[in-house]
Each structure stands twice: as C-alpha cells, then as structure tokens.
Amino acid sequence: MGDPLADIYSGYRNPNLEKLAEMVVYFSEQMAPFKAKMNKLLFYADFLMFKRSCFSISGVRYKAIDMGPVPFNFQVFLNI
C-alpha cells in the first residue's frame, strides 16, 4: 500500500485496510461496478473527502495507469 507513514500523498492518514475494504463492500453493494470503475470510485471518494476535510478516508496512496487512478498494489485487495 505504499509508505506506511502519513503524508500529503496518503491524505495525512496511515493506510487503513479495514476502511478500504468497507469502501469496496459499500460500492459493490450499491453499484456492482467493474474493476476500472471501482478504482475510480475509491479514488474520487478519498479525494473528495480530502478536499472537504484535509484527510482521506483510507489513507491509501494512488498511482496513475492508462485506465485511470488506482491504489498502489490494487491487484492484491481487489483480486479480480
């Protein structure tokens, strides 16, 4: 999940896999998105929360790929 220390790249939170898992469960139940859309929903939820409160929800770092932003090591927890 990247560097475990909180900084601007993690939304000033330490990575919390429980919160990330709850985000995935929530979006899965509400929308049943495909993998690319799930990654974008996670990104937008974290960044909207950061915009509103200066803290992210999950503390996960994101990286850019061709299909859009994804959490570091997204294959590990999405396993799709």
N, C-alpha and C. Protein backbone atom coordinates (compact mmCIF):
# COMPACT_ATOMS: atom_id res chain seq x y z
N MET A 1 0.82 -1.20 0.00
CA MET A 1 0.00 0.00 0.00
C MET A 1 0.86 1.26 0.00
N GLY A 2 2.12 1.12 -0.27
CA GLY A 2 2.99 2.28 -0.29
C GLY A 2 3.63 2.51 1.08
N ASP A 3 4.15 3.71 1.28
CA ASP A 3 4.80 4.08 2.53
C ASP A 3 3.77 4.11 3.66
N PRO A 4 4.06 3.47 4.80
CA PRO A 4 3.07 3.43 5.88
C PRO A 4 2.93 4.72 6.68
N LEU A 5 3.78 5.69 6.43
CA LEU A 5 3.70 6.94 7.18
C LEU A 5 2.73 7.92 6.53
N ALA A 6 1.99 8.63 7.37
CA ALA A 6 1.03 9.61 6.87
C ALA A 6 1.76 10.82 6.32
N ASP A 7 1.37 11.24 5.12
CA ASP A 7 1.89 12.45 4.50
C ASP A 7 0.85 12.95 3.50
N ILE A 8 1.20 13.95 2.72
CA ILE A 8 0.23 14.51 1.77
C ILE A 8 -0.22 13.49 0.74
N TYR A 9 0.64 12.54 0.38
CA TYR A 9 0.30 11.56 -0.65
C TYR A 9 -0.68 10.49 -0.14
N SER A 10 -0.81 10.37 1.15
CA SER A 10 -1.77 9.42 1.73
C SER A 10 -2.94 10.14 2.38
N GLY A 11 -3.08 11.42 2.13
CA GLY A 11 -4.18 12.17 2.72
C GLY A 11 -4.01 12.39 4.21
N TYR A 12 -2.76 12.45 4.66
CA TYR A 12 -2.42 12.66 6.06
C TYR A 12 -3.01 11.60 6.99
N ARG A 13 -3.15 10.39 6.47
CA ARG A 13 -3.59 9.25 7.27
C ARG A 13 -2.68 8.06 6.99
N ASN A 14 -2.53 7.21 7.97
CA ASN A 14 -1.84 5.94 7.75
C ASN A 14 -2.79 5.01 7.01
N PRO A 15 -2.27 4.16 6.13
CA PRO A 15 -3.16 3.25 5.40
C PRO A 15 -3.99 2.38 6.35
N ASN A 16 -5.28 2.32 6.08
CA ASN A 16 -6.20 1.54 6.89
C ASN A 16 -6.94 0.59 5.96
N LEU A 17 -6.52 -0.66 5.94
CA LEU A 17 -7.11 -1.64 5.03
C LEU A 17 -8.55 -1.99 5.39
N GLU A 18 -8.92 -1.85 6.66
CA GLU A 18 -10.31 -2.11 7.05
C GLU A 18 -11.24 -1.08 6.41
N LYS A 19 -10.84 0.19 6.44
CA LYS A 19 -11.67 1.22 5.82
C LYS A 19 -11.72 1.04 4.31
N LEU A 20 -10.60 0.67 3.71
CA LEU A 20 -10.58 0.42 2.28
C LEU A 20 -11.50 -0.74 1.92
N ALA A 21 -11.47 -1.79 2.72
CA ALA A 21 -12.35 -2.94 2.48
C ALA A 21 -13.82 -2.54 2.61
N GLU A 22 -14.14 -1.70 3.58
CA GLU A 22 -15.51 -1.24 3.74
C GLU A 22 -15.95 -0.37 2.57
N MET A 23 -15.04 0.41 2.03
CA MET A 23 -15.36 1.21 0.84
C MET A 23 -15.68 0.29 -0.34
N VAL A 24 -14.87 -0.75 -0.51
CA VAL A 24 -15.09 -1.70 -1.60
C VAL A 24 -16.43 -2.41 -1.42
N VAL A 25 -16.74 -2.83 -0.21
CA VAL A 25 -18.01 -3.51 0.06
C VAL A 25 -19.18 -2.57 -0.22
N TYR A 26 -19.09 -1.34 0.24
CA TYR A 26 -20.17 -0.38 0.03
C TYR A 26 -20.43 -0.15 -1.46
N PHE A 27 -19.38 0.14 -2.21
CA PHE A 27 -19.57 0.38 -3.65
C PHE A 27 -20.04 -0.88 -4.37
N SER A 28 -19.58 -2.03 -3.93
CA SER A 28 -20.02 -3.29 -4.56
C SER A 28 -21.50 -3.53 -4.35
N GLU A 29 -21.98 -3.25 -3.14
CA GLU A 29 -23.41 -3.45 -2.85
C GLU A 29 -24.28 -2.42 -3.55
N GLN A 30 -23.81 -1.18 -3.65
CA GLN A 30 -24.61 -0.11 -4.22
C GLN A 30 -24.65 -0.12 -5.74
N MET A 31 -23.51 -0.47 -6.38
CA MET A 31 -23.40 -0.30 -7.82
C MET A 31 -22.96 -1.53 -8.59
N ALA A 32 -22.34 -2.49 -7.95
CA ALA A 32 -21.75 -3.65 -8.61
C ALA A 32 -20.86 -3.23 -9.78
N PRO A 33 -19.84 -2.36 -9.52
CA PRO A 33 -19.00 -1.85 -10.60
C PRO A 33 -17.95 -2.85 -11.06
N PHE A 34 -17.47 -2.63 -12.28
CA PHE A 34 -16.33 -3.38 -12.78
C PHE A 34 -15.07 -2.86 -12.11
N LYS A 35 -13.96 -3.53 -12.34
CA LYS A 35 -12.70 -3.21 -11.68
C LYS A 35 -12.26 -1.77 -11.94
N ALA A 36 -12.33 -1.30 -13.18
CA ALA A 36 -11.89 0.06 -13.50
C ALA A 36 -12.76 1.10 -12.79
N LYS A 37 -14.05 0.88 -12.78
CA LYS A 37 -14.94 1.82 -12.12
C LYS A 37 -14.74 1.79 -10.60
N MET A 38 -14.49 0.62 -10.04
CA MET A 38 -14.24 0.51 -8.61
C MET A 38 -13.03 1.33 -8.21
N ASN A 39 -11.96 1.23 -9.00
CA ASN A 39 -10.75 2.00 -8.71
C ASN A 39 -11.04 3.50 -8.76
N LYS A 40 -11.81 3.94 -9.73
CA LYS A 40 -12.14 5.36 -9.84
C LYS A 40 -13.04 5.82 -8.70
N LEU A 41 -13.98 4.98 -8.28
CA LEU A 41 -14.84 5.33 -7.16
C LEU A 41 -14.03 5.46 -5.87
N LEU A 42 -13.09 4.57 -5.65
CA LEU A 42 -12.23 4.66 -4.47
C LEU A 42 -11.42 5.95 -4.49
N PHE A 43 -10.85 6.25 -5.65
CA PHE A 43 -10.05 7.47 -5.80
C PHE A 43 -10.90 8.71 -5.53
N TYR A 44 -12.05 8.81 -6.19
CA TYR A 44 -12.88 10.01 -6.03
C TYR A 44 -13.42 10.15 -4.61
N ALA A 45 -13.78 9.05 -3.97
CA ALA A 45 -14.26 9.13 -2.59
C ALA A 45 -13.16 9.63 -1.67
N ASP A 46 -11.95 9.08 -1.80
CA ASP A 46 -10.83 9.52 -0.97
C ASP A 46 -10.49 10.99 -1.23
N PHE A 47 -10.45 11.39 -2.50
CA PHE A 47 -10.04 12.75 -2.81
C PHE A 47 -11.13 13.77 -2.49
N LEU A 48 -12.39 13.40 -2.61
CA LEU A 48 -13.47 14.31 -2.21
C LEU A 48 -13.43 14.52 -0.70
N MET A 49 -13.21 13.46 0.05
CA MET A 49 -13.09 13.60 1.50
C MET A 49 -11.88 14.45 1.86
N PHE A 50 -10.78 14.28 1.13
CA PHE A 50 -9.59 15.09 1.37
C PHE A 50 -9.88 16.56 1.08
N LYS A 51 -10.61 16.83 0.01
CA LYS A 51 -10.97 18.21 -0.33
C LYS A 51 -11.82 18.85 0.76
N ARG A 52 -12.73 18.08 1.32
CA ARG A 52 -13.65 18.62 2.32
C ARG A 52 -13.05 18.72 3.72
N SER A 53 -12.15 17.80 4.07
CA SER A 53 -11.67 17.75 5.46
C SER A 53 -10.15 17.78 5.62
N CYS A 54 -9.42 17.75 4.53
CA CYS A 54 -7.94 17.68 4.54
C CYS A 54 -7.43 16.32 5.03
N PHE A 55 -8.29 15.30 5.06
CA PHE A 55 -7.90 13.93 5.40
C PHE A 55 -8.61 12.98 4.45
N SER A 56 -7.91 11.93 4.02
CA SER A 56 -8.57 10.93 3.18
C SER A 56 -9.33 9.94 4.06
N ILE A 57 -10.10 9.08 3.44
CA ILE A 57 -10.84 8.05 4.18
C ILE A 57 -9.91 6.89 4.52
N SER A 58 -9.25 6.36 3.50
CA SER A 58 -8.49 5.12 3.67
C SER A 58 -7.00 5.32 3.94
N GLY A 59 -6.44 6.43 3.56
CA GLY A 59 -5.01 6.65 3.73
C GLY A 59 -4.16 5.93 2.70
N VAL A 60 -4.79 5.39 1.67
CA VAL A 60 -4.08 4.64 0.63
C VAL A 60 -3.51 5.62 -0.40
N ARG A 61 -2.33 5.33 -0.89
CA ARG A 61 -1.73 6.13 -1.96
C ARG A 61 -2.23 5.62 -3.30
N TYR A 62 -2.35 6.52 -4.26
CA TYR A 62 -2.84 6.18 -5.59
C TYR A 62 -1.75 6.45 -6.61
N LYS A 63 -1.81 5.72 -7.73
CA LYS A 63 -0.89 5.94 -8.83
C LYS A 63 -1.69 5.99 -10.13
N ALA A 64 -1.11 6.59 -11.14
CA ALA A 64 -1.78 6.72 -12.44
C ALA A 64 -1.39 5.56 -13.35
N ILE A 65 -2.40 4.97 -13.99
CA ILE A 65 -2.17 3.99 -15.04
C ILE A 65 -3.02 4.41 -16.23
N ASP A 66 -2.98 3.67 -17.32
CA ASP A 66 -3.71 4.06 -18.54
C ASP A 66 -5.21 4.17 -18.33
N MET A 67 -5.78 3.32 -17.49
CA MET A 67 -7.23 3.30 -17.29
C MET A 67 -7.70 4.27 -16.21
N GLY A 68 -6.79 4.98 -15.57
CA GLY A 68 -7.17 5.94 -14.54
C GLY A 68 -6.44 5.66 -13.24
N PRO A 69 -6.76 6.41 -12.20
CA PRO A 69 -6.06 6.25 -10.92
C PRO A 69 -6.42 4.94 -10.24
N VAL A 70 -5.42 4.34 -9.62
CA VAL A 70 -5.62 3.09 -8.87
C VAL A 70 -4.81 3.15 -7.59
N PRO A 71 -5.26 2.46 -6.54
CA PRO A 71 -4.44 2.37 -5.33
C PRO A 71 -3.18 1.54 -5.62
N PHE A 72 -2.07 1.84 -4.92
CA PHE A 72 -0.89 1.01 -5.04
C PHE A 72 -1.26 -0.42 -4.69
N ASN A 73 -0.75 -1.38 -5.44
CA ASN A 73 -0.99 -2.81 -5.23
C ASN A 73 -2.48 -3.15 -5.26
N PHE A 74 -3.23 -2.52 -6.17
CA PHE A 74 -4.66 -2.74 -6.21
C PHE A 74 -5.02 -4.19 -6.58
N GLN A 75 -4.12 -4.92 -7.26
CA GLN A 75 -4.41 -6.30 -7.62
C GLN A 75 -4.53 -7.17 -6.36
N VAL A 76 -3.83 -6.81 -5.31
CA VAL A 76 -3.82 -7.62 -4.10
C VAL A 76 -5.18 -7.63 -3.41
N PHE A 77 -5.80 -6.46 -3.25
CA PHE A 77 -7.05 -6.44 -2.49
C PHE A 77 -8.29 -6.56 -3.36
N LEU A 78 -8.22 -6.23 -4.65
CA LEU A 78 -9.39 -6.43 -5.49
C LEU A 78 -9.45 -7.85 -6.03
N ASN A 79 -8.27 -8.42 -6.31
CA ASN A 79 -8.15 -9.83 -6.72
C ASN A 79 -9.20 -10.22 -7.77
N ILE A 80 -9.28 -9.41 -8.80
CA ILE A 80 -10.26 -9.67 -9.87
C ILE A 80 -9.52 -10.04 -11.14
